[in-house]
Amino acid sequence: MTASSTAQDTKVNYAASNITDGSLESRWMASDTIATVDIQLDSKKNLTKSASLNIRTPKI
C-alpha cells in the first residue's frame, strides 16, 4: 500500500496501513488537499467491512 501523503500527529496514527487494518475506528488522513492511495488487494480474500470516505476541506 502506498499513500501520496500522510498527516503527522503525535497523538493519532494516520498511517495508510490503517485502511486495511480491519478496524472501523482507525483511519488514514492525508496532509495534502489532493492525495492518493494505491491498494493491491489479495484476490483470495473476501471483503467483509467497508467504511465511508469523508473529505474535509479547510475553511478559508
PDB file of N, CA and C in Angstrom:
ATOM      1  N   MET A   1       0.840  -1.151   0.000  1.00  0.00           N
ATOM      2  CA  MET A   1       0.000   0.000   0.000  1.00  0.00           C
ATOM      3  C   MET A   1       0.897   1.229   0.000  1.00  0.00           C
ATOM      4  N   THR A   2       0.521   2.192  -0.817  1.00  0.00           N
ATOM      5  CA  THR A   2       1.303   3.411  -0.930  1.00  0.00           C
ATOM      6  C   THR A   2       0.384   4.619  -0.884  1.00  0.00           C
ATOM      7  N   ALA A   3       0.696   5.579  -0.031  1.00  0.00           N
ATOM      8  CA  ALA A   3      -0.067   6.822   0.056  1.00  0.00           C
ATOM      9  C   ALA A   3       0.815   7.966  -0.418  1.00  0.00           C
ATOM     10  N   SER A   4       0.206   8.917  -1.115  1.00  0.00           N
ATOM     11  CA  SER A   4       0.982  10.060  -1.599  1.00  0.00           C
ATOM     12  C   SER A   4       1.380  10.992  -0.467  1.00  0.00           C
ATOM     13  N   SER A   5       0.603  11.000   0.613  1.00  0.00           N
ATOM     14  CA  SER A   5       0.957  11.789   1.796  1.00  0.00           C
ATOM     15  C   SER A   5       0.214  11.243   3.004  1.00  0.00           C
ATOM     16  N   THR A   6       0.742  11.536   4.185  1.00  0.00           N
ATOM     17  CA  THR A   6       0.112  11.117   5.437  1.00  0.00           C
ATOM     18  C   THR A   6       0.235  12.256   6.439  1.00  0.00           C
ATOM     19  N   ALA A   7      -0.864  12.581   7.103  1.00  0.00           N
ATOM     20  CA  ALA A   7      -0.844  13.628   8.121  1.00  0.00           C
ATOM     21  C   ALA A   7       0.003  13.179   9.299  1.00  0.00           C
ATOM     22  N   GLN A   8       0.750  14.099   9.855  1.00  0.00           N
ATOM     23  CA  GLN A   8       1.605  13.811  11.001  1.00  0.00           C
ATOM     24  C   GLN A   8       0.957  14.361  12.262  1.00  0.00           C
ATOM     25  N   ASP A   9       0.815  13.533  13.258  1.00  0.00           N
ATOM     26  CA  ASP A   9       0.234  13.930  14.533  1.00  0.00           C
ATOM     27  C   ASP A   9       0.891  13.096  15.615  1.00  0.00           C
ATOM     28  N   THR A  10       1.282  13.717  16.708  1.00  0.00           N
ATOM     29  CA  THR A  10       1.962  12.988  17.782  1.00  0.00           C
ATOM     30  C   THR A  10       1.008  12.159  18.630  1.00  0.00           C
ATOM     31  N   LYS A  11      -0.302  12.442  18.559  1.00  0.00           N
ATOM     32  CA  LYS A  11      -1.281  11.729  19.379  1.00  0.00           C
ATOM     33  C   LYS A  11      -2.093  10.688  18.614  1.00  0.00           C
ATOM     34  N   VAL A  12      -2.204  10.852  17.296  1.00  0.00           N
ATOM     35  CA  VAL A  12      -3.042   9.962  16.490  1.00  0.00           C
ATOM     36  C   VAL A  12      -2.218   9.392  15.345  1.00  0.00           C
ATOM     37  N   ASN A  13      -2.388   8.107  15.069  1.00  0.00           N
ATOM     38  CA  ASN A  13      -1.708   7.443  13.962  1.00  0.00           C
ATOM     39  C   ASN A  13      -2.604   7.501  12.730  1.00  0.00           C
ATOM     40  N   TYR A  14      -2.190   8.235  11.702  1.00  0.00           N
ATOM     41  CA  TYR A  14      -2.960   8.363  10.465  1.00  0.00           C
ATOM     42  C   TYR A  14      -2.323   7.593   9.310  1.00  0.00           C
ATOM     43  N   ALA A  15      -1.535   6.580   9.587  1.00  0.00           N
ATOM     44  CA  ALA A  15      -0.811   5.838   8.552  1.00  0.00           C
ATOM     45  C   ALA A  15      -1.752   5.189   7.542  1.00  0.00           C
ATOM     46  N   ALA A  16      -1.298   5.093   6.306  1.00  0.00           N
ATOM     47  CA  ALA A  16      -2.099   4.471   5.255  1.00  0.00           C
ATOM     48  C   ALA A  16      -2.411   3.011   5.563  1.00  0.00           C
ATOM     49  N   SER A  17      -1.572   2.357   6.340  1.00  0.00           N
ATOM     50  CA  SER A  17      -1.821   0.961   6.704  1.00  0.00           C
ATOM     51  C   SER A  17      -3.110   0.807   7.511  1.00  0.00           C
ATOM     52  N   ASN A  18      -3.621   1.889   8.075  1.00  0.00           N
ATOM     53  CA  ASN A  18      -4.894   1.846   8.806  1.00  0.00           C
ATOM     54  C   ASN A  18      -6.070   1.511   7.899  1.00  0.00           C
ATOM     55  N   ILE A  19      -5.924   1.746   6.611  1.00  0.00           N
ATOM     56  CA  ILE A  19      -7.020   1.494   5.667  1.00  0.00           C
ATOM     57  C   ILE A  19      -7.422   0.028   5.675  1.00  0.00           C
ATOM     58  N   THR A  20      -6.469  -0.851   5.802  1.00  0.00           N
ATOM     59  CA  THR A  20      -6.756  -2.289   5.724  1.00  0.00           C
ATOM     60  C   THR A  20      -6.503  -3.015   7.038  1.00  0.00           C
ATOM     61  N   ASP A  21      -6.529  -2.312   8.164  1.00  0.00           N
ATOM     62  CA  ASP A  21      -6.229  -2.961   9.439  1.00  0.00           C
ATOM     63  C   ASP A  21      -7.423  -3.687  10.061  1.00  0.00           C
ATOM     64  N   GLY A  22      -8.589  -3.597   9.440  1.00  0.00           N
ATOM     65  CA  GLY A  22      -9.765  -4.308   9.944  1.00  0.00           C
ATOM     66  C   GLY A  22     -10.554  -3.544  10.978  1.00  0.00           C
ATOM     67  N   SER A  23     -10.100  -2.388  11.377  1.00  0.00           N
ATOM     68  CA  SER A  23     -10.790  -1.589  12.387  1.00  0.00           C
ATOM     69  C   SER A  23     -11.525  -0.425  11.735  1.00  0.00           C
ATOM     70  N   LEU A  24     -12.770  -0.221  12.119  1.00  0.00           N
ATOM     71  CA  LEU A  24     -13.516   0.937  11.635  1.00  0.00           C
ATOM     72  C   LEU A  24     -13.228   2.170  12.483  1.00  0.00           C
ATOM     73  N   GLU A  25     -12.423   2.014  13.517  1.00  0.00           N
ATOM     74  CA  GLU A  25     -12.069   3.137  14.391  1.00  0.00           C
ATOM     75  C   GLU A  25     -10.812   3.873  13.920  1.00  0.00           C
ATOM     76  N   SER A  26      -9.939   3.203  13.185  1.00  0.00           N
ATOM     77  CA  SER A  26      -8.716   3.842  12.708  1.00  0.00           C
ATOM     78  C   SER A  26      -8.967   4.434  11.321  1.00  0.00           C
ATOM     79  N   ARG A  27      -8.057   5.301  10.902  1.00  0.00           N
ATOM     80  CA  ARG A  27      -8.226   5.945   9.605  1.00  0.00           C
ATOM     81  C   ARG A  27      -6.890   6.451   9.069  1.00  0.00           C
ATOM     82  N   TRP A  28      -6.884   6.696   7.768  1.00  0.00           N
ATOM     83  CA  TRP A  28      -5.757   7.340   7.103  1.00  0.00           C
ATOM     84  C   TRP A  28      -6.174   8.765   6.817  1.00  0.00           C
ATOM     85  N   MET A  29      -5.282   9.699   6.999  1.00  0.00           N
ATOM     86  CA  MET A  29      -5.555  11.085   6.646  1.00  0.00           C
ATOM     87  C   MET A  29      -4.333  11.645   5.936  1.00  0.00           C
ATOM     88  N   ALA A  30      -4.582  12.303   4.826  1.00  0.00           N
ATOM     89  CA  ALA A  30      -3.504  12.892   4.050  1.00  0.00           C
ATOM     90  C   ALA A  30      -3.154  14.274   4.581  1.00  0.00           C
ATOM     91  N   SER A  31      -1.922  14.673   4.344  1.00  0.00           N
ATOM     92  CA  SER A  31      -1.502  16.017   4.730  1.00  0.00           C
ATOM     93  C   SER A  31      -1.751  17.021   3.603  1.00  0.00           C
ATOM     94  N   ASP A  32      -1.976  16.534   2.398  1.00  0.00           N
ATOM     95  CA  ASP A  32      -2.232  17.388   1.243  1.00  0.00           C
ATOM     96  C   ASP A  32      -3.725  17.439   0.946  1.00  0.00           C
ATOM     97  N   THR A  33      -4.160  18.484   0.234  1.00  0.00           N
ATOM     98  CA  THR A  33      -5.573  18.585  -0.128  1.00  0.00           C
ATOM     99  C   THR A  33      -5.938  17.633  -1.258  1.00  0.00           C
ATOM    100  N   ILE A  34      -4.967  17.268  -2.065  1.00  0.00           N
ATOM    101  CA  ILE A  34      -5.175  16.265  -3.111  1.00  0.00           C
ATOM    102  C   ILE A  34      -4.218  15.126  -2.805  1.00  0.00           C
ATOM    103  N   ALA A  35      -4.782  13.939  -2.570  1.00  0.00           N
ATOM    104  CA  ALA A  35      -3.944  12.804  -2.189  1.00  0.00           C
ATOM    105  C   ALA A  35      -4.475  11.526  -2.815  1.00  0.00           C
ATOM    106  N   THR A  36      -3.600  10.557  -2.945  1.00  0.00           N
ATOM    107  CA  THR A  36      -3.991   9.263  -3.490  1.00  0.00           C
ATOM    108  C   THR A  36      -3.452   8.149  -2.600  1.00  0.00           C
ATOM    109  N   VAL A  37      -4.115   7.012  -2.692  1.00  0.00           N
ATOM    110  CA  VAL A  37      -3.623   5.814  -2.022  1.00  0.00           C
ATOM    111  C   VAL A  37      -3.828   4.646  -2.980  1.00  0.00           C
ATOM    112  N   ASP A  38      -2.799   3.857  -3.146  1.00  0.00           N
ATOM    113  CA  ASP A  38      -2.857   2.672  -4.000  1.00  0.00           C
ATOM    114  C   ASP A  38      -2.878   1.445  -3.108  1.00  0.00           C
ATOM    115  N   ILE A  39      -3.882   0.582  -3.325  1.00  0.00           N
ATOM    116  CA  ILE A  39      -4.035  -0.632  -2.530  1.00  0.00           C
ATOM    117  C   ILE A  39      -4.092  -1.820  -3.482  1.00  0.00           C
ATOM    118  N   GLN A  40      -3.264  -2.805  -3.240  1.00  0.00           N
ATOM    119  CA  GLN A  40      -3.321  -4.032  -4.019  1.00  0.00           C
ATOM    120  C   GLN A  40      -3.993  -5.086  -3.154  1.00  0.00           C
ATOM    121  N   LEU A  41      -5.174  -5.514  -3.576  1.00  0.00           N
ATOM    122  CA  LEU A  41      -5.949  -6.479  -2.805  1.00  0.00           C
ATOM    123  C   LEU A  41      -5.586  -7.906  -3.188  1.00  0.00           C
ATOM    124  N   ASP A  42      -5.599  -8.780  -2.217  1.00  0.00           N
ATOM    125  CA  ASP A  42      -5.379 -10.196  -2.445  1.00  0.00           C
ATOM    126  C   ASP A  42      -6.680 -10.778  -3.001  1.00  0.00           C
ATOM    127  N   SER A  43      -6.646 -11.336  -4.166  1.00  0.00           N
ATOM    128  CA  SER A  43      -7.868 -11.836  -4.802  1.00  0.00           C
ATOM    129  C   SER A  43      -8.469 -13.039  -4.078  1.00  0.00           C
ATOM    130  N   LYS A  44      -7.752 -13.620  -3.134  1.00  0.00           N
ATOM    131  CA  LYS A  44      -8.244 -14.797  -2.424  1.00  0.00           C
ATOM    132  C   LYS A  44      -9.002 -14.456  -1.144  1.00  0.00           C
ATOM    133  N   LYS A  45      -9.092 -13.177  -0.793  1.00  0.00           N
ATOM    134  CA  LYS A  45      -9.778 -12.787   0.431  1.00  0.00           C
ATOM    135  C   LYS A  45     -11.106 -12.111   0.104  1.00  0.00           C
ATOM    136  N   ASN A  46     -12.085 -12.329   0.965  1.00  0.00           N
ATOM    137  CA  ASN A  46     -13.371 -11.660   0.828  1.00  0.00           C
ATOM    138  C   ASN A  46     -13.346 -10.360   1.613  1.00  0.00           C
ATOM    139  N   LEU A  47     -13.989  -9.333   1.066  1.00  0.00           N
ATOM    140  CA  LEU A  47     -14.129  -8.082   1.787  1.00  0.00           C
ATOM    141  C   LEU A  47     -15.344  -8.200   2.686  1.00  0.00           C
ATOM    142  N   THR A  48     -15.161  -7.953   3.976  1.00  0.00           N
ATOM    143  CA  THR A  48     -16.260  -8.110   4.923  1.00  0.00           C
ATOM    144  C   THR A  48     -16.663  -6.808   5.591  1.00  0.00           C
ATOM    145  N   LYS A  49     -15.878  -5.757   5.433  1.00  0.00           N
ATOM    146  CA  LYS A  49     -16.187  -4.468   6.047  1.00  0.00           C
ATOM    147  C   LYS A  49     -15.962  -3.357   5.038  1.00  0.00           C
ATOM    148  N   SER A  50     -16.706  -2.306   5.197  1.00  0.00           N
ATOM    149  CA  SER A  50     -16.468  -1.122   4.389  1.00  0.00           C
ATOM    150  C   SER A  50     -16.739   0.104   5.244  1.00  0.00           C
ATOM    151  N   ALA A  51     -16.187   1.204   4.837  1.00  0.00           N
ATOM    152  CA  ALA A  51     -16.391   2.455   5.565  1.00  0.00           C
ATOM    153  C   ALA A  51     -16.513   3.584   4.555  1.00  0.00           C
ATOM    154  N   SER A  52     -17.134   4.656   4.962  1.00  0.00           N
ATOM    155  CA  SER A  52     -17.317   5.783   4.059  1.00  0.00           C
ATOM    156  C   SER A  52     -16.059   6.638   3.997  1.00  0.00           C
ATOM    157  N   LEU A  53     -15.953   7.370   2.933  1.00  0.00           N
ATOM    158  CA  LEU A  53     -14.852   8.306   2.741  1.00  0.00           C
ATOM    159  C   LEU A  53     -15.344   9.692   3.093  1.00  0.00           C
ATOM    160  N   ASN A  54     -14.757  10.295   4.094  1.00  0.00           N
ATOM    161  CA  ASN A  54     -15.118  11.649   4.498  1.00  0.00           C
ATOM    162  C   ASN A  54     -14.042  12.602   4.033  1.00  0.00           C
ATOM    163  N   ILE A  55     -14.442  13.571   3.249  1.00  0.00           N
ATOM    164  CA  ILE A  55     -13.498  14.560   2.750  1.00  0.00           C
ATOM    165  C   ILE A  55     -13.806  15.878   3.424  1.00  0.00           C
ATOM    166  N   ARG A  56     -12.819  16.422   4.093  1.00  0.00           N
ATOM    167  CA  ARG A  56     -12.988  17.707   4.760  1.00  0.00           C
ATOM    168  C   ARG A  56     -12.119  18.741   4.057  1.00  0.00           C
ATOM    169  N   THR A  57     -12.691  19.864   3.743  1.00  0.00           N
ATOM    170  CA  THR A  57     -11.925  20.941   3.147  1.00  0.00           C
ATOM    171  C   THR A  57     -11.682  22.011   4.188  1.00  0.00           C
ATOM    172  N   PRO A  58     -10.497  22.593   4.183  1.00  0.00           N
ATOM    173  CA  PRO A  58     -10.200  23.623   5.192  1.00  0.00           C
ATOM    174  C   PRO A  58     -11.021  24.878   4.973  1.00  0.00           C
ATOM    175  N   LYS A  59     -11.370  25.545   6.054  1.00  0.00           N
ATOM    176  CA  LYS A  59     -12.081  26.818   5.969  1.00  0.00           C
ATOM    177  C   LYS A  59     -11.100  27.899   5.564  1.00  0.00           C
ATOM    178  N   ILE A  60     -11.516  28.704   4.612  1.00  0.00           N
ATOM    179  CA  ILE A  60     -10.645  29.789   4.128  1.00  0.00           C
ATOM    180  C   ILE A  60     -11.175  31.119   4.585  1.00  0.00           C
TER     181      ILE A  60
END
